[in-house]
N, C-alpha and C. Protein backbone atom coordinates (compact mmCIF):
# COMPACT_ATOMS: atom_id res chain seq x y z
N UNK A 1 16.59 -21.14 13.94
CA UNK A 1 17.22 -20.04 12.95
C UNK A 1 16.23 -19.75 11.69
N UNK A 2 16.25 -18.80 10.98
CA UNK A 2 15.44 -18.62 9.96
C UNK A 2 16.73 -18.11 8.95
N UNK A 3 16.86 -18.99 7.75
CA UNK A 3 17.95 -19.01 6.27
C UNK A 3 17.35 -18.22 5.31
N UNK A 4 17.98 -17.22 4.62
CA UNK A 4 17.01 -16.39 3.66
C UNK A 4 18.30 -16.01 2.77
N UNK A 5 17.79 -16.50 1.64
CA UNK A 5 18.49 -16.50 0.51
C UNK A 5 18.51 -14.78 -0.67
N UNK A 6 19.63 -14.40 -0.52
CA UNK A 6 19.73 -12.94 -0.85
C UNK A 6 19.29 -12.41 -1.94
N UNK A 7 18.68 -13.53 -3.26
CA UNK A 7 18.74 -13.26 -4.69
C UNK A 7 20.19 -13.34 -4.93
N UNK A 8 21.02 -13.88 -4.87
CA UNK A 8 22.24 -13.77 -5.63
C UNK A 8 22.56 -15.36 -5.41
N UNK A 9 23.94 -15.42 -5.29
CA UNK A 9 24.33 -16.98 -5.58
C UNK A 9 24.60 -17.89 -4.03
N UNK A 10 24.48 -18.86 -3.98
CA UNK A 10 23.90 -19.61 -2.62
C UNK A 10 24.89 -19.01 -1.31
N UNK A 11 25.82 -19.12 -1.70
CA UNK A 11 26.70 -18.40 -0.53
C UNK A 11 26.25 -16.74 -0.05
N UNK A 12 25.28 -16.09 -0.47
CA UNK A 12 24.87 -15.36 -0.30
C UNK A 12 23.68 -15.46 0.75
N UNK A 13 23.72 -16.17 1.80
CA UNK A 13 22.32 -15.96 2.45
C UNK A 13 22.83 -15.41 4.15
N UNK A 14 21.55 -14.85 4.33
CA UNK A 14 21.62 -14.11 5.68
C UNK A 14 20.75 -15.02 6.96
N UNK A 15 21.28 -15.31 8.18
CA UNK A 15 20.50 -15.84 8.88
C UNK A 15 20.39 -14.75 10.23
N UNK A 16 18.75 -15.51 10.60
CA UNK A 16 18.10 -14.76 11.75
C UNK A 16 18.15 -15.63 13.15
N UNK A 17 18.02 -15.26 14.12
CA UNK A 17 17.90 -16.05 15.03
C UNK A 17 16.14 -15.52 15.76
N UNK A 18 15.58 -16.82 15.14
CA UNK A 18 14.32 -16.72 15.68
C UNK A 18 13.29 -17.29 16.73
N UNK A 19 14.36 -17.63 17.27
CA UNK A 19 13.55 -18.56 18.73
C UNK A 19 14.40 -19.53 19.88
N UNK A 20 15.50 -19.59 20.55
CA UNK A 20 16.51 -20.06 21.10
C UNK A 20 15.70 -21.46 22.16
N UNK A 21 14.43 -21.09 22.48
CA UNK A 21 14.18 -21.91 23.26
C UNK A 21 12.94 -22.63 22.61
N UNK A 22 12.96 -23.05 21.59
CA UNK A 22 12.02 -23.93 20.50
C UNK A 22 12.73 -25.22 20.29
N UNK A 23 12.54 -25.94 20.97
CA UNK A 23 13.04 -27.59 20.09
C UNK A 23 12.61 -28.40 19.35
N UNK A 24 13.37 -28.49 18.44
CA UNK A 24 12.62 -29.39 17.62
C UNK A 24 11.69 -29.27 16.46
N UNK A 25 11.53 -27.92 16.43
CA UNK A 25 10.79 -27.48 15.45
C UNK A 25 10.11 -28.38 14.48
N UNK A 26 8.97 -28.80 14.16
CA UNK A 26 8.57 -29.57 13.33
C UNK A 26 7.32 -29.20 12.79
N UNK A 27 6.16 -29.33 12.04
CA UNK A 27 6.96 -28.53 10.61
C UNK A 27 7.34 -27.79 10.88
N UNK A 28 7.80 -26.59 10.00
CA UNK A 28 7.93 -25.67 9.58
C UNK A 28 7.50 -24.67 8.52
N UNK A 29 6.73 -23.69 8.15
CA UNK A 29 6.33 -22.47 7.17
C UNK A 29 6.00 -21.69 7.42
N UNK A 30 5.82 -21.28 6.10
CA UNK A 30 5.91 -19.28 6.30
C UNK A 30 4.12 -19.06 5.74
N UNK A 31 3.77 -18.24 6.14
CA UNK A 31 2.14 -17.85 6.07
C UNK A 31 1.52 -15.97 6.30
N UNK A 32 0.52 -15.82 5.91
CA UNK A 32 0.28 -14.41 6.59
C UNK A 32 -0.89 -14.96 7.44
N UNK A 33 -0.69 -15.34 8.53
CA UNK A 33 -1.25 -16.01 9.71
C UNK A 33 -1.86 -14.38 10.46
N UNK A 34 -1.73 -13.01 10.35
CA UNK A 34 -2.36 -11.85 10.99
C UNK A 34 -2.93 -11.00 10.09
N UNK A 35 -3.26 -11.76 8.65
CA UNK A 35 -3.11 -10.93 7.54
C UNK A 35 -2.86 -9.41 7.39
N UNK A 36 -1.61 -9.27 7.58
CA UNK A 36 -1.14 -8.10 7.68
C UNK A 36 -0.54 -7.69 6.27
N UNK A 37 -0.01 -9.08 5.69
CA UNK A 37 0.38 -8.49 4.37
C UNK A 37 1.85 -9.21 4.59
N UNK A 38 2.16 -9.55 5.75
CA UNK A 38 3.53 -10.03 6.30
C UNK A 38 3.71 -11.27 5.92
N UNK A 39 4.74 -11.82 5.66
CA UNK A 39 5.05 -13.60 6.26
C UNK A 39 5.70 -13.50 7.71
N UNK A 40 4.82 -14.58 8.02
CA UNK A 40 5.43 -15.22 9.92
C UNK A 40 5.64 -16.67 9.39
N UNK A 41 6.40 -16.84 10.60
CA UNK A 41 7.31 -18.24 10.35
C UNK A 41 5.98 -18.82 11.38
N UNK A 42 5.33 -20.19 11.22
CA UNK A 42 4.71 -20.99 12.14
C UNK A 42 5.15 -22.33 11.97
N UNK A 43 5.31 -23.20 13.33
CA UNK A 43 6.20 -23.98 13.32
C UNK A 43 5.49 -24.87 14.95
N UNK A 44 5.32 -26.36 14.63
CA UNK A 44 4.84 -26.91 15.75
C UNK A 44 6.22 -27.63 16.53
N UNK A 45 6.01 -28.18 17.88
CA UNK A 45 7.44 -28.80 17.49
C UNK A 45 7.33 -30.49 17.84
N UNK A 46 7.89 -31.37 17.36
CA UNK A 46 7.99 -32.43 17.32
C UNK A 46 8.14 -33.23 18.31
N UNK A 47 7.43 -33.79 19.03
CA UNK A 47 7.22 -34.26 20.53
C UNK A 47 6.21 -33.36 21.54
N UNK A 48 5.50 -32.71 21.25
CA UNK A 48 5.45 -31.78 21.86
C UNK A 48 4.09 -31.29 21.31
N UNK A 49 3.70 -30.28 21.96
CA UNK A 49 1.94 -30.12 21.56
C UNK A 49 2.37 -28.91 21.57
N UNK A 50 3.22 -27.68 21.68
CA UNK A 50 3.29 -26.65 21.22
C UNK A 50 3.35 -25.94 19.86
N UNK A 51 2.37 -24.67 19.35
CA UNK A 51 2.51 -24.26 18.47
C UNK A 51 2.95 -22.99 18.26
N UNK A 52 4.08 -22.07 17.50
CA UNK A 52 4.19 -20.84 18.23
C UNK A 52 4.23 -20.31 16.66
N UNK A 53 4.21 -19.08 16.32
CA UNK A 53 4.23 -17.87 15.02
C UNK A 53 4.96 -16.87 15.53
N UNK A 54 6.07 -16.83 14.29
CA UNK A 54 6.69 -15.39 14.70
C UNK A 54 6.79 -14.25 13.61
N UNK A 55 6.87 -13.06 13.58
CA UNK A 55 6.86 -11.81 12.23
C UNK A 55 8.32 -11.92 12.32
N UNK A 56 8.39 -11.73 10.65
CA UNK A 56 9.90 -11.87 10.56
C UNK A 56 10.18 -10.16 10.35
N UNK A 57 9.68 -9.62 10.23
CA UNK A 57 10.04 -7.98 9.99
C UNK A 57 9.36 -7.39 11.32
N UNK A 58 10.16 -6.11 11.52
CA UNK A 58 9.98 -5.44 12.67
C UNK A 58 9.07 -4.63 12.27
N UNK A 59 8.13 -3.72 13.30
CA UNK A 59 7.11 -2.99 12.90
C UNK A 59 7.63 -1.64 12.12
N UNK A 60 6.84 -1.26 11.49
CA UNK A 60 6.78 -0.22 10.52
C UNK A 60 5.38 0.36 10.71
N UNK A 61 5.48 1.73 11.08
CA UNK A 61 4.49 2.63 11.63
C UNK A 61 3.51 3.25 10.41
N UNK A 62 4.68 3.51 9.25
CA UNK A 62 4.12 4.18 8.16
C UNK A 62 3.95 3.36 6.67
N UNK A 63 3.81 2.82 5.81
CA UNK A 63 3.88 2.56 4.27
C UNK A 63 3.29 3.63 3.62
N UNK A 64 4.17 3.96 2.16
CA UNK A 64 3.70 4.18 1.11
C UNK A 64 3.40 3.49 -0.03
N UNK A 65 2.20 3.57 -1.02
CA UNK A 65 1.69 3.01 -2.01
C UNK A 65 1.93 4.03 -3.07
N UNK A 66 2.62 3.86 -3.86
CA UNK A 66 2.69 5.23 -5.21
C UNK A 66 2.06 4.42 -6.66
N UNK A 67 1.35 5.19 -6.93
CA UNK A 67 0.57 4.74 -8.18
C UNK A 67 1.79 5.01 -10.01
N UNK A 68 1.78 4.22 -10.57
CA UNK A 68 2.40 4.65 -12.25
C UNK A 68 1.57 5.56 -12.34
N UNK A 69 2.11 6.27 -13.97
CA UNK A 69 1.73 7.07 -14.10
C UNK A 69 0.15 7.01 -14.95
N UNK A 70 -0.64 7.65 -14.60
CA UNK A 70 -1.88 7.46 -15.22
C UNK A 70 -2.59 8.44 -16.49
N UNK A 71 -3.15 8.44 -17.73
CA UNK A 71 -3.09 9.40 -18.24
C UNK A 71 -4.54 9.59 -18.39
N UNK A 72 -5.22 11.11 -18.31
CA UNK A 72 -6.55 11.71 -18.61
C UNK A 72 -6.45 12.39 -20.33
N UNK A 73 -7.09 11.25 -20.59
CA UNK A 73 -7.23 11.96 -22.78
C UNK A 73 -7.36 13.32 -22.83
N UNK A 74 -8.54 14.19 -22.31
CA UNK A 74 -8.84 15.58 -22.27
C UNK A 74 -8.45 16.70 -21.17
N UNK A 75 -8.77 17.38 -20.98
CA UNK A 75 -8.65 18.72 -20.23
C UNK A 75 -9.57 18.18 -18.63
N UNK A 76 -9.27 18.76 -17.61
CA UNK A 76 -9.72 18.49 -16.21
C UNK A 76 -9.57 19.92 -15.32
N UNK A 77 -10.96 20.48 -14.88
CA UNK A 77 -11.41 21.34 -14.19
C UNK A 77 -11.30 20.17 -12.83
N UNK A 78 -11.45 19.87 -12.41
CA UNK A 78 -11.90 19.08 -11.08
C UNK A 78 -11.63 17.84 -11.16
N UNK A 79 -11.23 17.70 -9.83
CA UNK A 79 -10.60 15.52 -9.62
C UNK A 79 -11.18 15.35 -8.50
N UNK A 80 -12.11 14.23 -7.92
CA UNK A 80 -11.90 14.00 -6.74
C UNK A 80 -11.76 12.16 -6.65
N UNK A 81 -11.11 11.85 -5.51
CA UNK A 81 -10.91 10.61 -5.52
C UNK A 81 -12.27 9.34 -4.38
N UNK A 82 -12.60 8.60 -4.59
CA UNK A 82 -13.02 7.71 -3.66
C UNK A 82 -12.49 7.01 -2.82
N UNK A 83 -12.70 6.59 -1.96
CA UNK A 83 -11.57 5.66 -0.88
C UNK A 83 -12.36 4.81 -0.57
N UNK A 84 -12.77 3.11 -0.78
CA UNK A 84 -13.10 2.21 0.29
C UNK A 84 -11.98 1.67 1.48
N UNK A 85 -12.13 2.27 2.25
CA UNK A 85 -11.19 1.45 2.87
C UNK A 85 -11.65 1.30 4.92
N UNK A 86 -10.89 0.51 5.45
CA UNK A 86 -10.90 0.33 6.77
C UNK A 86 -10.10 0.74 7.50
N UNK A 87 -10.45 2.28 8.04
CA UNK A 87 -9.61 2.52 9.22
C UNK A 87 -10.26 2.26 10.54
N UNK A 88 -9.48 2.11 11.20
CA UNK A 88 -9.75 1.99 12.37
C UNK A 88 -8.97 2.94 13.67
N UNK A 89 -9.35 2.57 14.84
CA UNK A 89 -8.84 3.83 15.74
C UNK A 89 -7.04 2.91 16.37
N UNK A 90 -6.61 4.17 15.91
CA UNK A 90 -4.98 4.65 15.84
C UNK A 90 -4.39 4.29 14.38
N UNK A 91 -5.12 4.19 13.65
CA UNK A 91 -5.11 4.05 12.37
C UNK A 91 -5.15 5.17 10.88
N UNK A 92 -3.89 5.33 10.20
CA UNK A 92 -4.83 6.42 9.27
C UNK A 92 -4.39 6.16 7.77
N UNK A 93 -5.18 6.85 6.84
CA UNK A 93 -4.58 6.98 5.53
C UNK A 93 -5.11 8.50 5.22
N UNK A 94 -3.74 8.47 4.47
CA UNK A 94 -3.62 9.67 4.15
C UNK A 94 -3.71 10.36 2.15
N UNK A 95 -4.12 10.76 1.25
CA UNK A 95 -4.23 10.41 -0.07
C UNK A 95 -3.34 11.64 -0.89
N UNK A 96 -2.67 12.00 -1.56
CA UNK A 96 -1.82 12.74 -2.56
C UNK A 96 -1.88 12.43 -3.68
N UNK A 97 -1.93 13.00 -4.28
CA UNK A 97 -1.91 13.38 -6.21
C UNK A 97 -0.91 14.74 -6.55
N UNK A 98 -0.56 14.02 -7.38
CA UNK A 98 0.20 15.37 -8.37
C UNK A 98 0.39 15.24 -10.05
N UNK A 99 -0.11 16.13 -10.57
CA UNK A 99 -0.63 16.51 -12.19
C UNK A 99 0.14 17.62 -13.12
N UNK A 100 0.56 17.05 -14.13
CA UNK A 100 1.33 17.96 -15.24
C UNK A 100 0.89 17.58 -16.31
N UNK A 101 1.07 18.17 -17.32
CA UNK A 101 1.05 18.50 -18.91
C UNK A 101 1.79 16.92 -19.62
N UNK A 102 3.24 16.62 -19.01
CA UNK A 102 3.51 15.21 -19.66
C UNK A 102 3.82 14.73 -18.22
N UNK A 103 4.47 13.37 -18.52
CA UNK A 103 4.90 12.58 -17.19
C UNK A 103 6.22 13.45 -16.90
N UNK A 104 7.00 14.28 -17.51
CA UNK A 104 8.30 14.87 -17.05
C UNK A 104 8.51 16.29 -16.74
N UNK A 105 6.74 16.56 -16.40
CA UNK A 105 6.27 17.56 -15.75
C UNK A 105 5.53 17.56 -14.44
N UNK A 106 5.21 17.06 -13.52
CA UNK A 106 5.04 16.30 -12.53
C UNK A 106 4.67 17.72 -11.87
N UNK A 107 3.53 18.34 -11.05
CA UNK A 107 3.91 18.99 -10.09
C UNK A 107 4.37 18.72 -8.44
N UNK A 108 4.06 19.32 -7.72
CA UNK A 108 4.27 19.17 -6.17
C UNK A 108 2.92 17.77 -5.70
N UNK A 109 3.80 16.95 -4.74
CA UNK A 109 2.33 16.10 -3.83
C UNK A 109 1.57 17.55 -3.47
N UNK A 110 0.25 17.11 -3.54
CA UNK A 110 -0.95 18.11 -2.77
C UNK A 110 -1.77 17.16 -2.27
N UNK A 111 -2.23 16.82 -0.84
CA UNK A 111 -3.02 16.30 -0.43
C UNK A 111 -4.31 16.43 -0.88
N UNK A 112 -5.48 15.41 -0.94
CA UNK A 112 -6.53 15.16 -1.08
C UNK A 112 -7.43 14.64 -0.48
N UNK A 113 -8.55 15.09 0.19
CA UNK A 113 -9.87 14.64 1.03
C UNK A 113 -10.58 13.30 -0.01
N UNK A 114 -10.75 12.24 0.10
CA UNK A 114 -11.66 11.34 -0.31
C UNK A 114 -13.14 12.63 -0.43
N UNK A 115 -13.85 12.14 -1.39
CA UNK A 115 -14.91 13.07 -1.88
C UNK A 115 -14.85 14.43 -2.08
N UNK A 116 -13.86 14.83 -1.63
CA UNK A 116 -13.97 16.37 -1.60
C UNK A 116 -13.30 17.08 -3.13
N UNK A 117 -13.75 17.29 -3.85
CA UNK A 117 -13.15 17.90 -5.53
C UNK A 117 -12.48 18.41 -4.96
N UNK A 118 -11.29 18.32 -5.94
CA UNK A 118 -10.06 19.31 -5.89
C UNK A 118 -9.67 20.18 -7.09
N UNK A 119 -9.87 21.19 -7.18
CA UNK A 119 -9.53 22.04 -8.23
C UNK A 119 -8.14 22.05 -9.15
N UNK A 120 -8.08 21.70 -10.29
CA UNK A 120 -7.12 21.62 -11.46
C UNK A 120 -7.38 21.91 -12.37
N UNK A 121 -6.45 22.64 -12.62
CA UNK A 121 -6.72 23.31 -14.50
C UNK A 121 -5.82 22.56 -15.52
N UNK A 122 -6.05 21.37 -16.39
CA UNK A 122 -5.25 20.88 -17.28
C UNK A 122 -5.72 21.60 -18.66
N UNK A 123 -5.20 21.95 -19.76
CA UNK A 123 -5.37 21.67 -21.08
C UNK A 123 -5.15 20.60 -21.86
N UNK A 124 -5.87 20.01 -22.40
CA UNK A 124 -5.84 18.46 -23.50
C UNK A 124 -5.43 17.37 -22.10
N UNK A 125 -4.37 16.26 -22.90
CA UNK A 125 -4.02 15.66 -21.98
C UNK A 125 -3.33 15.83 -20.89
N UNK A 126 -4.03 15.19 -19.79
CA UNK A 126 -3.15 15.47 -18.41
C UNK A 126 -2.65 13.97 -17.94
N UNK A 127 -1.41 13.86 -17.01
CA UNK A 127 -0.82 13.10 -15.87
C UNK A 127 -1.06 12.85 -14.90
N UNK A 128 -1.20 12.07 -14.10
CA UNK A 128 -1.35 12.34 -13.06
C UNK A 128 -0.92 11.08 -11.90
N UNK A 129 -0.68 10.81 -10.76
CA UNK A 129 0.18 9.98 -9.92
C UNK A 129 -0.58 10.04 -8.59
N UNK A 130 -1.08 8.84 -7.86
CA UNK A 130 -1.16 9.51 -6.43
C UNK A 130 -0.72 8.48 -5.99
N UNK A 131 -0.32 8.81 -4.02
CA UNK A 131 0.25 8.59 -3.50
C UNK A 131 -0.76 7.84 -2.30
N UNK A 132 -0.46 6.66 -1.63
CA UNK A 132 -1.81 6.72 -0.35
C UNK A 132 -0.41 6.27 0.56
N UNK A 133 -1.11 6.70 1.97
CA UNK A 133 0.39 6.76 3.26
C UNK A 133 -0.92 6.16 4.45
N UNK A 134 -0.32 4.88 4.68
CA UNK A 134 -1.34 4.32 5.38
C UNK A 134 -0.31 4.22 6.81
N UNK A 135 -0.65 4.39 7.98
CA UNK A 135 -0.03 4.60 9.25
C UNK A 135 -0.77 3.66 10.27
N UNK A 136 -0.10 3.84 11.38
CA UNK A 136 -0.56 3.09 12.46
C UNK A 136 0.24 2.93 13.91
N UNK A 137 -0.38 3.52 15.09
CA UNK A 137 0.29 3.97 16.24
C UNK A 137 0.45 2.08 16.90
N UNK A 138 -0.22 1.50 16.64
CA UNK A 138 -0.69 -0.27 17.12
C UNK A 138 -0.15 -1.16 16.21
N UNK A 139 0.81 -1.86 16.69
CA UNK A 139 1.38 -3.15 15.59
C UNK A 139 0.47 -4.01 15.34
N UNK A 140 -0.54 -4.19 16.33
CA UNK A 140 -1.45 -5.18 15.90
C UNK A 140 -2.78 -4.52 15.43
N UNK A 141 -2.53 -3.71 14.66
CA UNK A 141 -3.73 -3.22 13.85
C UNK A 141 -3.61 -2.00 12.53
N UNK A 142 -3.98 -2.32 11.43
CA UNK A 142 -3.68 -1.98 9.82
C UNK A 142 -4.41 -1.37 9.55
N UNK A 143 -4.48 0.08 8.89
CA UNK A 143 -5.99 0.30 7.87
C UNK A 143 -5.47 -0.95 6.63
N UNK A 144 -6.93 -1.05 5.79
CA UNK A 144 -7.23 -1.89 5.03
C UNK A 144 -7.37 -1.26 3.96
N UNK A 145 -6.89 -1.09 2.67
CA UNK A 145 -7.06 -0.44 1.46
C UNK A 145 -7.99 -1.37 0.79
N UNK A 146 -9.44 -0.97 0.43
CA UNK A 146 -9.52 -1.78 -0.42
C UNK A 146 -9.60 -1.57 -2.09
N UNK A 147 -10.12 -0.58 -2.13
CA UNK A 147 -10.25 0.07 -3.35
C UNK A 147 -9.63 1.99 -3.49
N UNK A 148 -9.55 2.64 -4.89
CA UNK A 148 -9.24 3.56 -4.92
C UNK A 148 -9.68 3.70 -6.05
N UNK A 149 -10.81 4.94 -6.23
CA UNK A 149 -11.27 5.60 -7.98
C UNK A 149 -10.61 7.03 -7.84
N UNK A 150 -11.18 6.95 -9.25
CA UNK A 150 -11.00 9.05 -9.22
C UNK A 150 -11.70 9.26 -10.12
N UNK A 151 -12.54 10.28 -10.12
CA UNK A 151 -13.56 10.87 -11.02
C UNK A 151 -13.29 12.28 -11.09
N UNK A 152 -13.49 12.53 -12.75
CA UNK A 152 -12.67 14.32 -13.15
C UNK A 152 -13.84 14.96 -14.14
N UNK A 153 -14.06 16.21 -13.82
CA UNK A 153 -14.79 16.97 -14.84
C UNK A 153 -13.76 17.73 -16.14
N UNK A 154 -14.40 17.77 -16.94
CA UNK A 154 -13.95 18.48 -18.14
C UNK A 154 -14.63 19.84 -18.33
N UNK A 155 -13.19 20.42 -19.43
CA UNK A 155 -13.50 22.21 -18.87
C UNK A 155 -14.51 22.66 -19.60
N UNK A 156 -15.26 21.60 -20.54
CA UNK A 156 -17.00 22.29 -20.56
C UNK A 156 -18.23 21.81 -19.41
N UNK A 157 -18.59 22.34 -19.33
CA UNK A 157 -19.68 22.32 -18.23
C UNK A 157 -21.12 20.95 -18.74
N UNK A 158 -21.09 21.29 -20.06
CA UNK A 158 -22.18 19.90 -20.02
C UNK A 158 -21.69 19.34 -20.56
N UNK A 159 -19.93 18.45 -20.21
CA UNK A 159 -20.01 16.99 -20.66
C UNK A 159 -18.69 16.98 -19.67
N UNK A 160 -19.39 15.48 -19.22
CA UNK A 160 -18.47 14.99 -17.62
C UNK A 160 -17.28 14.42 -18.49
N UNK A 161 -16.03 14.61 -17.11
CA UNK A 161 -14.72 14.24 -18.21
C UNK A 161 -15.03 12.35 -17.93
N UNK A 162 -14.65 11.82 -16.74
CA UNK A 162 -14.81 10.25 -16.69
C UNK A 162 -14.30 9.48 -15.01
N UNK A 163 -13.93 9.00 -15.49
CA UNK A 163 -13.44 7.79 -14.32
C UNK A 163 -12.80 6.67 -14.80
N UNK A 164 -12.05 6.47 -13.06
CA UNK A 164 -11.31 5.34 -13.43
C UNK A 164 -11.21 4.21 -12.25
N UNK A 165 -11.11 2.93 -11.70
CA UNK A 165 -11.30 2.50 -10.62
C UNK A 165 -9.95 2.01 -10.77
N UNK A 166 -8.84 1.98 -9.44
CA UNK A 166 -7.78 1.10 -9.78
C UNK A 166 -7.79 0.45 -8.14
N UNK A 167 -7.23 -0.88 -8.36
CA UNK A 167 -7.15 -1.76 -7.45
C UNK A 167 -5.61 -1.48 -7.05
N UNK A 168 -5.44 -0.73 -5.09
CA UNK A 168 -4.29 -0.92 -5.07
C UNK A 168 -3.60 -1.85 -5.11
C-alpha cells in the first residue's frame, strides 16, 4: 500500500494499492528510476531476492509547460525560437507564443516552428509568453526539452534587438 498525505491535516491521507502479491517489502523508497520526471516506488523483499518498482501515476500522453510573462524592452518585427530537444519516434514537441503590448492584452496563441522567423509587429515594450507541448504515443519514451531560446529583431534594420535563453 502507498499512503500519501494530501497536504492537509494528518487525517487526509489517500491510499493506493500498489501490489497485492509482494510480501514483506523492505526497504521501500521513491525515486525517478526511468528519468521521466515522475517518482516511482522501489522496494526489495525481506527474506527474498526480488527487487521491484512501480509507477505512481497513470500514463499521460501530452503535457504542457507554460512560461511566465517575458518583457522585450523595445519594438519587435521578427521573433525566432531555438530549441534543443531530443525528439524520438512516437514523440513530439510543439511550440506556441502569444504577444501583446501589456500583460493584460496578450493575443491568441500562435504556433511557431523552431529556427523559422515569425513576423510580429510591436511598437515599444512588448510582452510575450511561450507554451511547449510535449507528447508521446509510447509510455516508455518521452521527448526531452533541454533548452529553449528566443531572438528578436527591432524595427530599425541596422539595430539587432536581443536574445534570451530560458531553461524550461
